[in-house]
Amino acid sequence: LGREYCQIPATLRMLDEHRRWQALPPVALQPETRQRLEERMPGVASGLDRHEWVRHGSCYGGDAETYFRTALALVDQVNRSPVRDLVAARRGQRVTLAELRAAFEQGFGAGTGAALGLHCEADGDRRLVSEIRIALRQPSTTAPHLWETLDRAAPRQGNCEAGLVDRVGPD
């Protein structure tokens, strides 16, 4: 979408930009939505849901419940695609943006891989995949179909071409 912090007070934006997410207001969600979000976004424990709502959800044009239900529906579609299988198979190994784009196109059609961007972070001498970002136009709030919401205008940029898929838990 490319829009951030819509009608967010400067004090909340500052808290978010300084990663003080637990100091942001809690996101009001139905118990079922909260549970699903916690399962699919473990970062909720550190306030990641608050960050996502303030930075991105505030520009969505709806309430937090609809925003996160829509996001969960889109995540579920990715998790039923070859992308999930590729990432799961590569735990502890390197994966490339080209491989991810190819898997995405297997699941969502030719040309859709351009909507993916890969972000990595340094962890000592390792370069870990931190995010696989998908460029979207405003998704539908009724029946979101990922392939309909992709922004294919230009290839999505990231900060790396490959990274290590970290294993869950301590090394």
N, C-alpha and C. Protein backbone atom coordinates (compact mmCIF):
# COMPACT_ATOMS: atom_id res chain seq x y z
N LEU A 1 0.81 -1.20 0.00
CA LEU A 1 0.00 0.00 0.00
C LEU A 1 0.85 1.26 0.00
N GLY A 2 2.00 1.23 0.69
CA GLY A 2 2.88 2.38 0.66
C GLY A 2 2.48 3.51 1.58
N ARG A 3 1.40 3.35 2.33
CA ARG A 3 0.99 4.41 3.25
C ARG A 3 1.22 3.92 4.68
N GLU A 4 1.61 4.85 5.53
CA GLU A 4 1.92 4.51 6.92
C GLU A 4 1.45 5.61 7.85
N TYR A 5 1.12 5.23 9.07
CA TYR A 5 0.80 6.15 10.16
C TYR A 5 -0.30 7.15 9.79
N CYS A 6 -1.42 6.66 9.30
CA CYS A 6 -2.53 7.54 8.92
C CYS A 6 -3.29 8.01 10.15
N GLN A 7 -3.28 9.30 10.37
CA GLN A 7 -3.98 9.95 11.48
C GLN A 7 -3.54 9.39 12.84
N ILE A 8 -2.26 9.10 12.95
CA ILE A 8 -1.68 8.60 14.20
C ILE A 8 -0.99 9.77 14.90
N PRO A 9 -1.30 10.00 16.17
CA PRO A 9 -0.64 11.09 16.91
C PRO A 9 0.88 10.90 16.93
N ALA A 10 1.60 11.99 16.94
CA ALA A 10 3.06 11.97 16.91
C ALA A 10 3.64 11.16 18.07
N THR A 11 3.01 11.21 19.23
CA THR A 11 3.53 10.46 20.39
C THR A 11 3.48 8.95 20.13
N LEU A 12 2.40 8.46 19.50
CA LEU A 12 2.31 7.02 19.21
C LEU A 12 3.28 6.63 18.11
N ARG A 13 3.43 7.50 17.13
CA ARG A 13 4.38 7.21 16.05
C ARG A 13 5.80 7.13 16.61
N MET A 14 6.14 8.03 17.52
CA MET A 14 7.47 8.01 18.13
C MET A 14 7.69 6.70 18.90
N LEU A 15 6.69 6.29 19.68
CA LEU A 15 6.80 5.02 20.41
C LEU A 15 7.04 3.87 19.43
N ASP A 16 6.29 3.87 18.34
CA ASP A 16 6.43 2.80 17.36
C ASP A 16 7.80 2.82 16.71
N GLU A 17 8.24 3.98 16.29
CA GLU A 17 9.53 4.08 15.61
C GLU A 17 10.70 3.72 16.52
N HIS A 18 10.51 3.87 17.82
CA HIS A 18 11.55 3.48 18.78
C HIS A 18 11.33 2.07 19.31
N ARG A 19 10.46 1.32 18.64
CA ARG A 19 10.18 -0.09 18.95
C ARG A 19 9.70 -0.29 20.39
N ARG A 20 8.98 0.67 20.91
CA ARG A 20 8.39 0.56 22.25
C ARG A 20 6.94 0.11 22.09
N TRP A 21 6.78 -1.03 21.45
CA TRP A 21 5.47 -1.49 21.03
C TRP A 21 4.54 -1.83 22.19
N GLN A 22 5.09 -2.29 23.28
CA GLN A 22 4.23 -2.61 24.44
C GLN A 22 3.61 -1.36 25.04
N ALA A 23 4.19 -0.20 24.77
CA ALA A 23 3.64 1.06 25.26
C ALA A 23 2.51 1.58 24.37
N LEU A 24 2.33 0.99 23.19
CA LEU A 24 1.23 1.38 22.30
C LEU A 24 -0.08 0.82 22.85
N PRO A 25 -1.20 1.43 22.50
CA PRO A 25 -2.49 0.91 22.99
C PRO A 25 -2.75 -0.50 22.49
N PRO A 26 -3.35 -1.35 23.33
CA PRO A 26 -3.70 -2.71 22.88
C PRO A 26 -4.68 -2.64 21.70
N VAL A 27 -4.59 -3.63 20.83
CA VAL A 27 -5.47 -3.72 19.68
C VAL A 27 -6.72 -4.49 20.10
N ALA A 28 -7.89 -3.89 19.87
CA ALA A 28 -9.16 -4.51 20.24
C ALA A 28 -9.55 -5.55 19.20
N LEU A 29 -9.53 -6.81 19.60
CA LEU A 29 -9.89 -7.92 18.71
C LEU A 29 -10.81 -8.89 19.43
N GLN A 30 -11.64 -9.57 18.65
CA GLN A 30 -12.47 -10.64 19.20
C GLN A 30 -11.55 -11.77 19.68
N PRO A 31 -11.94 -12.53 20.71
CA PRO A 31 -11.06 -13.59 21.24
C PRO A 31 -10.59 -14.59 20.17
N GLU A 32 -11.47 -14.98 19.25
CA GLU A 32 -11.08 -15.93 18.21
C GLU A 32 -10.01 -15.34 17.30
N THR A 33 -10.18 -14.08 16.93
CA THR A 33 -9.19 -13.41 16.07
C THR A 33 -7.88 -13.27 16.81
N ARG A 34 -7.92 -12.89 18.08
CA ARG A 34 -6.71 -12.76 18.89
C ARG A 34 -5.96 -14.09 18.94
N GLN A 35 -6.67 -15.17 19.16
CA GLN A 35 -6.04 -16.49 19.25
C GLN A 35 -5.38 -16.87 17.93
N ARG A 36 -6.09 -16.69 16.83
CA ARG A 36 -5.52 -17.00 15.51
C ARG A 36 -4.29 -16.14 15.23
N LEU A 37 -4.35 -14.86 15.61
CA LEU A 37 -3.23 -13.96 15.38
C LEU A 37 -2.01 -14.40 16.20
N GLU A 38 -2.23 -14.77 17.44
CA GLU A 38 -1.12 -15.23 18.29
C GLU A 38 -0.48 -16.50 17.74
N GLU A 39 -1.28 -17.37 17.13
CA GLU A 39 -0.75 -18.60 16.54
C GLU A 39 0.10 -18.32 15.30
N ARG A 40 -0.34 -17.38 14.48
CA ARG A 40 0.32 -17.12 13.21
C ARG A 40 1.36 -16.01 13.28
N MET A 41 1.30 -15.20 14.34
CA MET A 41 2.24 -14.09 14.52
C MET A 41 2.75 -14.13 15.95
N PRO A 42 3.73 -14.99 16.23
CA PRO A 42 4.24 -15.09 17.60
C PRO A 42 4.74 -13.76 18.17
N GLY A 43 5.09 -12.82 17.29
CA GLY A 43 5.56 -11.51 17.73
C GLY A 43 4.51 -10.71 18.50
N VAL A 44 3.28 -11.19 18.54
CA VAL A 44 2.24 -10.54 19.34
C VAL A 44 2.71 -10.43 20.79
N ALA A 45 3.47 -11.40 21.24
CA ALA A 45 3.97 -11.39 22.62
C ALA A 45 4.83 -10.15 22.90
N SER A 46 5.46 -9.59 21.87
CA SER A 46 6.28 -8.39 22.06
C SER A 46 5.59 -7.13 21.53
N GLY A 47 4.30 -7.24 21.19
CA GLY A 47 3.55 -6.07 20.74
C GLY A 47 3.57 -5.85 19.24
N LEU A 48 3.96 -6.86 18.47
CA LEU A 48 4.02 -6.70 17.02
C LEU A 48 2.66 -6.34 16.43
N ASP A 49 1.57 -6.86 17.01
CA ASP A 49 0.24 -6.51 16.52
C ASP A 49 -0.04 -5.02 16.69
N ARG A 50 0.43 -4.45 17.77
CA ARG A 50 0.24 -3.02 18.03
C ARG A 50 1.01 -2.20 16.99
N HIS A 51 2.24 -2.62 16.73
CA HIS A 51 3.06 -1.96 15.70
C HIS A 51 2.37 -2.02 14.34
N GLU A 52 1.95 -3.20 13.95
CA GLU A 52 1.33 -3.38 12.63
C GLU A 52 0.07 -2.52 12.49
N TRP A 53 -0.72 -2.45 13.56
CA TRP A 53 -1.95 -1.66 13.50
C TRP A 53 -1.63 -0.17 13.39
N VAL A 54 -0.72 0.33 14.21
CA VAL A 54 -0.39 1.76 14.20
C VAL A 54 0.28 2.16 12.87
N ARG A 55 1.21 1.37 12.42
CA ARG A 55 1.97 1.74 11.22
C ARG A 55 1.20 1.48 9.92
N HIS A 56 0.56 0.33 9.82
CA HIS A 56 -0.08 -0.05 8.56
C HIS A 56 -1.60 -0.07 8.64
N GLY A 57 -2.12 -0.67 9.69
CA GLY A 57 -3.58 -0.81 9.82
C GLY A 57 -4.30 0.52 9.89
N SER A 58 -3.65 1.53 10.42
CA SER A 58 -4.28 2.85 10.54
C SER A 58 -4.64 3.42 9.16
N CYS A 59 -4.03 2.93 8.12
CA CYS A 59 -4.31 3.41 6.75
C CYS A 59 -5.28 2.50 6.01
N TYR A 60 -5.74 1.47 6.66
CA TYR A 60 -6.57 0.45 6.02
C TYR A 60 -7.97 0.94 5.67
N GLY A 61 -8.50 1.82 6.48
CA GLY A 61 -9.84 2.32 6.20
C GLY A 61 -10.93 1.54 6.89
N GLY A 62 -10.59 0.76 7.86
CA GLY A 62 -11.56 -0.03 8.61
C GLY A 62 -11.08 -0.21 10.03
N ASP A 63 -11.75 -1.08 10.74
CA ASP A 63 -11.36 -1.32 12.14
C ASP A 63 -10.30 -2.41 12.24
N ALA A 64 -9.72 -2.56 13.42
CA ALA A 64 -8.64 -3.51 13.63
C ALA A 64 -9.11 -4.95 13.42
N GLU A 65 -10.31 -5.26 13.83
CA GLU A 65 -10.84 -6.62 13.66
C GLU A 65 -10.86 -7.00 12.18
N THR A 66 -11.38 -6.13 11.34
CA THR A 66 -11.46 -6.41 9.91
C THR A 66 -10.07 -6.47 9.29
N TYR A 67 -9.19 -5.56 9.70
CA TYR A 67 -7.83 -5.53 9.18
C TYR A 67 -7.11 -6.85 9.46
N PHE A 68 -7.15 -7.30 10.72
CA PHE A 68 -6.42 -8.51 11.08
C PHE A 68 -7.09 -9.77 10.55
N ARG A 69 -8.42 -9.80 10.48
CA ARG A 69 -9.09 -10.96 9.86
C ARG A 69 -8.71 -11.07 8.39
N THR A 70 -8.66 -9.94 7.70
CA THR A 70 -8.25 -9.94 6.29
C THR A 70 -6.80 -10.40 6.17
N ALA A 71 -5.91 -9.88 7.02
CA ALA A 71 -4.50 -10.28 6.99
C ALA A 71 -4.35 -11.78 7.25
N LEU A 72 -5.10 -12.30 8.21
CA LEU A 72 -5.04 -13.73 8.52
C LEU A 72 -5.51 -14.57 7.33
N ALA A 73 -6.55 -14.13 6.66
CA ALA A 73 -7.04 -14.86 5.48
C ALA A 73 -5.97 -14.90 4.39
N LEU A 74 -5.25 -13.80 4.21
CA LEU A 74 -4.19 -13.75 3.20
C LEU A 74 -3.00 -14.63 3.61
N VAL A 75 -2.64 -14.60 4.89
CA VAL A 75 -1.55 -15.45 5.38
C VAL A 75 -1.90 -16.92 5.20
N ASP A 76 -3.15 -17.26 5.47
CA ASP A 76 -3.57 -18.66 5.30
C ASP A 76 -3.41 -19.11 3.85
N GLN A 77 -3.67 -18.21 2.90
CA GLN A 77 -3.50 -18.57 1.49
C GLN A 77 -2.03 -18.83 1.17
N VAL A 78 -1.14 -18.00 1.70
CA VAL A 78 0.29 -18.23 1.48
C VAL A 78 0.70 -19.55 2.13
N ASN A 79 0.16 -19.82 3.32
CA ASN A 79 0.52 -21.04 4.03
C ASN A 79 -0.02 -22.31 3.36
N ARG A 80 -0.95 -22.17 2.43
CA ARG A 80 -1.44 -23.32 1.66
C ARG A 80 -0.73 -23.42 0.31
N SER A 81 0.27 -22.59 0.09
CA SER A 81 0.94 -22.53 -1.20
C SER A 81 2.32 -23.19 -1.13
N PRO A 82 2.96 -23.36 -2.29
CA PRO A 82 4.32 -23.90 -2.33
C PRO A 82 5.35 -23.04 -1.57
N VAL A 83 5.04 -21.79 -1.30
CA VAL A 83 5.98 -20.93 -0.55
C VAL A 83 6.20 -21.51 0.84
N ARG A 84 5.13 -21.88 1.49
CA ARG A 84 5.23 -22.46 2.84
C ARG A 84 6.08 -23.73 2.81
N ASP A 85 5.83 -24.59 1.82
CA ASP A 85 6.58 -25.84 1.71
C ASP A 85 8.06 -25.58 1.50
N LEU A 86 8.39 -24.60 0.66
CA LEU A 86 9.78 -24.26 0.40
C LEU A 86 10.47 -23.76 1.67
N VAL A 87 9.83 -22.84 2.36
CA VAL A 87 10.43 -22.29 3.57
C VAL A 87 10.59 -23.38 4.63
N ALA A 88 9.59 -24.23 4.80
CA ALA A 88 9.68 -25.31 5.78
C ALA A 88 10.81 -26.28 5.42
N ALA A 89 10.98 -26.57 4.15
CA ALA A 89 12.03 -27.50 3.72
C ALA A 89 13.43 -26.90 3.88
N ARG A 90 13.52 -25.58 3.94
CA ARG A 90 14.81 -24.91 4.00
C ARG A 90 15.21 -24.46 5.41
N ARG A 91 14.49 -24.87 6.42
CA ARG A 91 14.90 -24.49 7.78
C ARG A 91 16.35 -24.93 8.00
N GLY A 92 17.15 -23.97 8.47
CA GLY A 92 18.57 -24.24 8.67
C GLY A 92 19.41 -24.14 7.42
N GLN A 93 18.77 -23.77 6.30
CA GLN A 93 19.47 -23.66 5.02
C GLN A 93 19.18 -22.31 4.38
N ARG A 94 19.87 -22.07 3.29
CA ARG A 94 19.72 -20.82 2.53
C ARG A 94 18.56 -20.94 1.55
N VAL A 95 17.85 -19.82 1.36
CA VAL A 95 16.81 -19.72 0.35
C VAL A 95 17.03 -18.42 -0.40
N THR A 96 16.75 -18.44 -1.71
CA THR A 96 16.95 -17.23 -2.51
C THR A 96 15.62 -16.59 -2.86
N LEU A 97 15.68 -15.31 -3.15
CA LEU A 97 14.48 -14.59 -3.60
C LEU A 97 13.95 -15.22 -4.88
N ALA A 98 14.83 -15.63 -5.77
CA ALA A 98 14.39 -16.26 -7.03
C ALA A 98 13.60 -17.54 -6.75
N GLU A 99 14.06 -18.33 -5.79
CA GLU A 99 13.34 -19.57 -5.44
C GLU A 99 11.98 -19.25 -4.83
N LEU A 100 11.94 -18.24 -3.97
CA LEU A 100 10.67 -17.85 -3.36
C LEU A 100 9.69 -17.34 -4.41
N ARG A 101 10.19 -16.53 -5.34
CA ARG A 101 9.32 -16.00 -6.39
C ARG A 101 8.78 -17.14 -7.27
N ALA A 102 9.62 -18.12 -7.57
CA ALA A 102 9.17 -19.26 -8.38
C ALA A 102 8.09 -20.05 -7.63
N ALA A 103 8.28 -20.28 -6.35
CA ALA A 103 7.27 -21.00 -5.56
C ALA A 103 5.97 -20.20 -5.48
N PHE A 104 6.10 -18.89 -5.35
CA PHE A 104 4.92 -18.02 -5.29
C PHE A 104 4.14 -18.10 -6.60
N GLU A 105 4.86 -18.10 -7.71
CA GLU A 105 4.21 -18.18 -9.02
C GLU A 105 3.55 -19.55 -9.23
N GLN A 106 4.10 -20.60 -8.65
CA GLN A 106 3.44 -21.91 -8.73
C GLN A 106 2.08 -21.87 -8.05
N GLY A 107 2.00 -21.12 -6.97
CA GLY A 107 0.75 -21.05 -6.22
C GLY A 107 -0.23 -20.00 -6.70
N PHE A 108 0.28 -18.90 -7.25
CA PHE A 108 -0.61 -17.76 -7.54
C PHE A 108 -0.59 -17.29 -8.99
N GLY A 109 0.23 -17.91 -9.83
CA GLY A 109 0.20 -17.59 -11.25
C GLY A 109 1.43 -16.86 -11.74
N ALA A 110 1.64 -16.97 -13.04
CA ALA A 110 2.79 -16.35 -13.70
C ALA A 110 2.81 -14.84 -13.44
N GLY A 111 3.99 -14.33 -13.14
CA GLY A 111 4.18 -12.90 -12.94
C GLY A 111 3.91 -12.41 -11.53
N THR A 112 3.29 -13.24 -10.69
CA THR A 112 2.96 -12.79 -9.34
C THR A 112 4.17 -12.68 -8.43
N GLY A 113 5.24 -13.41 -8.76
CA GLY A 113 6.44 -13.39 -7.93
C GLY A 113 7.08 -12.02 -7.82
N ALA A 114 6.81 -11.14 -8.77
CA ALA A 114 7.36 -9.78 -8.72
C ALA A 114 6.87 -9.02 -7.50
N ALA A 115 5.76 -9.46 -6.91
CA ALA A 115 5.22 -8.77 -5.73
C ALA A 115 5.99 -9.11 -4.45
N LEU A 116 6.92 -10.07 -4.52
CA LEU A 116 7.68 -10.48 -3.33
C LEU A 116 8.96 -9.69 -3.18
N GLY A 117 9.29 -9.36 -1.95
CA GLY A 117 10.57 -8.78 -1.59
C GLY A 117 11.12 -9.54 -0.39
N LEU A 118 12.40 -9.72 -0.32
CA LEU A 118 13.03 -10.47 0.75
C LEU A 118 13.84 -9.51 1.63
N HIS A 119 13.65 -9.64 2.93
CA HIS A 119 14.39 -8.83 3.89
C HIS A 119 15.16 -9.75 4.82
N CYS A 120 16.41 -9.37 5.08
CA CYS A 120 17.30 -10.16 5.93
C CYS A 120 17.91 -9.27 7.00
N GLU A 121 18.35 -9.92 8.07
CA GLU A 121 19.05 -9.23 9.16
C GLU A 121 20.31 -10.01 9.50
N ALA A 122 21.34 -9.28 9.86
CA ALA A 122 22.58 -9.92 10.29
C ALA A 122 22.41 -10.49 11.69
N ASP A 123 22.96 -11.68 11.89
CA ASP A 123 22.98 -12.34 13.20
C ASP A 123 24.36 -12.96 13.34
N GLY A 124 25.28 -12.16 13.87
CA GLY A 124 26.67 -12.60 13.90
C GLY A 124 27.18 -12.72 12.48
N ASP A 125 27.67 -13.90 12.12
CA ASP A 125 28.17 -14.10 10.75
C ASP A 125 27.10 -14.67 9.82
N ARG A 126 25.87 -14.77 10.33
CA ARG A 126 24.76 -15.29 9.51
C ARG A 126 23.89 -14.15 9.00
N ARG A 127 23.29 -14.34 7.84
CA ARG A 127 22.32 -13.39 7.28
C ARG A 127 20.99 -14.13 7.24
N LEU A 128 20.11 -13.78 8.19
CA LEU A 128 18.84 -14.49 8.36
C LEU A 128 17.71 -13.82 7.62
N VAL A 129 16.83 -14.63 7.04
CA VAL A 129 15.59 -14.11 6.45
C VAL A 129 14.75 -13.60 7.62
N SER A 130 14.37 -12.33 7.58
CA SER A 130 13.53 -11.76 8.63
C SER A 130 12.10 -11.57 8.16
N GLU A 131 11.92 -11.29 6.87
CA GLU A 131 10.59 -11.09 6.33
C GLU A 131 10.54 -11.44 4.85
N ILE A 132 9.42 -11.98 4.46
CA ILE A 132 9.08 -12.09 3.05
C ILE A 132 7.90 -11.15 2.88
N ARG A 133 8.11 -10.05 2.19
CA ARG A 133 7.06 -9.04 2.04
C ARG A 133 6.34 -9.22 0.71
N ILE A 134 5.05 -8.99 0.74
CA ILE A 134 4.22 -9.10 -0.45
C ILE A 134 3.56 -7.75 -0.68
N ALA A 135 3.81 -7.16 -1.84
CA ALA A 135 3.22 -5.86 -2.18
C ALA A 135 1.76 -6.05 -2.56
N LEU A 136 0.88 -5.36 -1.85
CA LEU A 136 -0.55 -5.46 -2.08
C LEU A 136 -1.14 -4.11 -2.40
N ARG A 137 -2.18 -4.13 -3.20
CA ARG A 137 -3.07 -2.98 -3.28
C ARG A 137 -4.02 -3.16 -2.11
N GLN A 138 -4.94 -2.26 -1.93
CA GLN A 138 -5.91 -2.39 -0.83
C GLN A 138 -6.69 -3.69 -1.01
N PRO A 139 -6.55 -4.66 -0.10
CA PRO A 139 -7.28 -5.91 -0.24
C PRO A 139 -8.77 -5.76 0.11
N SER A 140 -9.56 -6.61 -0.46
CA SER A 140 -10.99 -6.64 -0.17
C SER A 140 -11.21 -7.06 1.28
N THR A 141 -12.21 -6.51 1.91
CA THR A 141 -12.52 -6.90 3.29
C THR A 141 -13.57 -8.00 3.33
N THR A 142 -14.12 -8.37 2.19
CA THR A 142 -15.18 -9.38 2.19
C THR A 142 -14.61 -10.77 1.93
N ALA A 143 -14.06 -11.01 0.78
CA ALA A 143 -13.50 -12.31 0.44
C ALA A 143 -12.16 -12.09 -0.22
N PRO A 144 -11.11 -11.81 0.56
CA PRO A 144 -9.82 -11.49 -0.06
C PRO A 144 -9.19 -12.70 -0.74
N HIS A 145 -8.85 -12.51 -1.99
CA HIS A 145 -8.09 -13.52 -2.73
C HIS A 145 -6.74 -12.87 -3.03
N LEU A 146 -5.70 -13.47 -2.53
CA LEU A 146 -4.38 -12.87 -2.61
C LEU A 146 -4.01 -12.47 -4.03
N TRP A 147 -4.22 -13.34 -4.99
CA TRP A 147 -3.79 -13.04 -6.35
C TRP A 147 -4.50 -11.82 -6.92
N GLU A 148 -5.69 -11.49 -6.41
CA GLU A 148 -6.42 -10.31 -6.89
C GLU A 148 -5.89 -9.02 -6.27
N THR A 149 -5.22 -9.11 -5.13
CA THR A 149 -4.79 -7.92 -4.41
C THR A 149 -3.32 -7.57 -4.63
N LEU A 150 -2.59 -8.40 -5.38
CA LEU A 150 -1.17 -8.16 -5.58
C LEU A 150 -0.92 -6.89 -6.38
N ASP A 151 0.11 -6.17 -5.97
CA ASP A 151 0.55 -4.99 -6.70
C ASP A 151 1.71 -5.45 -7.59
N ARG A 152 1.44 -5.58 -8.86
CA ARG A 152 2.44 -6.08 -9.81
C ARG A 152 3.06 -4.96 -10.63
N ALA A 153 2.86 -3.73 -10.20
CA ALA A 153 3.33 -2.57 -10.98
C ALA A 153 4.84 -2.60 -11.21
N ALA A 154 5.59 -2.95 -10.21
CA ALA A 154 7.05 -3.02 -10.33
C ALA A 154 7.54 -4.09 -9.37
N PRO A 155 8.66 -4.74 -9.70
CA PRO A 155 9.17 -5.75 -8.77
C PRO A 155 9.39 -5.16 -7.38
N ARG A 156 8.99 -5.88 -6.38
CA ARG A 156 9.13 -5.48 -4.98
C ARG A 156 10.61 -5.53 -4.61
N GLN A 157 11.07 -4.51 -3.95
CA GLN A 157 12.46 -4.46 -3.52
C GLN A 157 12.58 -4.93 -2.08
N GLY A 158 13.67 -5.54 -1.78
CA GLY A 158 14.01 -5.96 -0.43
C GLY A 158 15.41 -5.48 -0.12
N ASN A 159 16.03 -6.08 0.88
CA ASN A 159 17.41 -5.69 1.19
C ASN A 159 18.38 -6.85 1.02
N CYS A 160 17.88 -7.98 0.46
CA CYS A 160 18.77 -9.11 0.21
C CYS A 160 18.21 -9.98 -0.91
N GLU A 161 19.08 -10.77 -1.49
CA GLU A 161 18.70 -11.71 -2.55
C GLU A 161 18.63 -13.14 -2.04
N ALA A 162 19.16 -13.36 -0.82
CA ALA A 162 19.16 -14.70 -0.23
C ALA A 162 19.45 -14.58 1.25
N GLY A 163 18.98 -15.57 2.00
CA GLY A 163 19.26 -15.59 3.43
C GLY A 163 19.00 -16.97 4.00
N LEU A 164 19.42 -17.15 5.22
CA LEU A 164 19.25 -18.39 5.94
C LEU A 164 17.88 -18.42 6.60
N VAL A 165 17.15 -19.51 6.43
CA VAL A 165 15.89 -19.70 7.12
C VAL A 165 16.23 -20.28 8.49
N ASP A 166 16.08 -19.50 9.53
CA ASP A 166 16.48 -19.90 10.87
C ASP A 166 15.58 -20.99 11.40
N ARG A 167 16.18 -21.87 12.18
CA ARG A 167 15.39 -22.89 12.89
C ARG A 167 14.68 -22.22 14.06
N VAL A 168 13.58 -22.79 14.46
CA VAL A 168 12.85 -22.28 15.63
C VAL A 168 13.59 -22.71 16.88
N GLY A 169 13.68 -21.81 17.85
CA GLY A 169 14.30 -22.14 19.13
C GLY A 169 15.77 -21.81 19.18
N PRO A 170 16.39 -22.05 20.33
CA PRO A 170 17.80 -21.71 20.50
C PRO A 170 18.70 -22.64 19.69
N ASP A 171 19.84 -22.09 19.29
CA ASP A 171 20.83 -22.88 18.53
C ASP A 171 21.68 -23.70 19.46
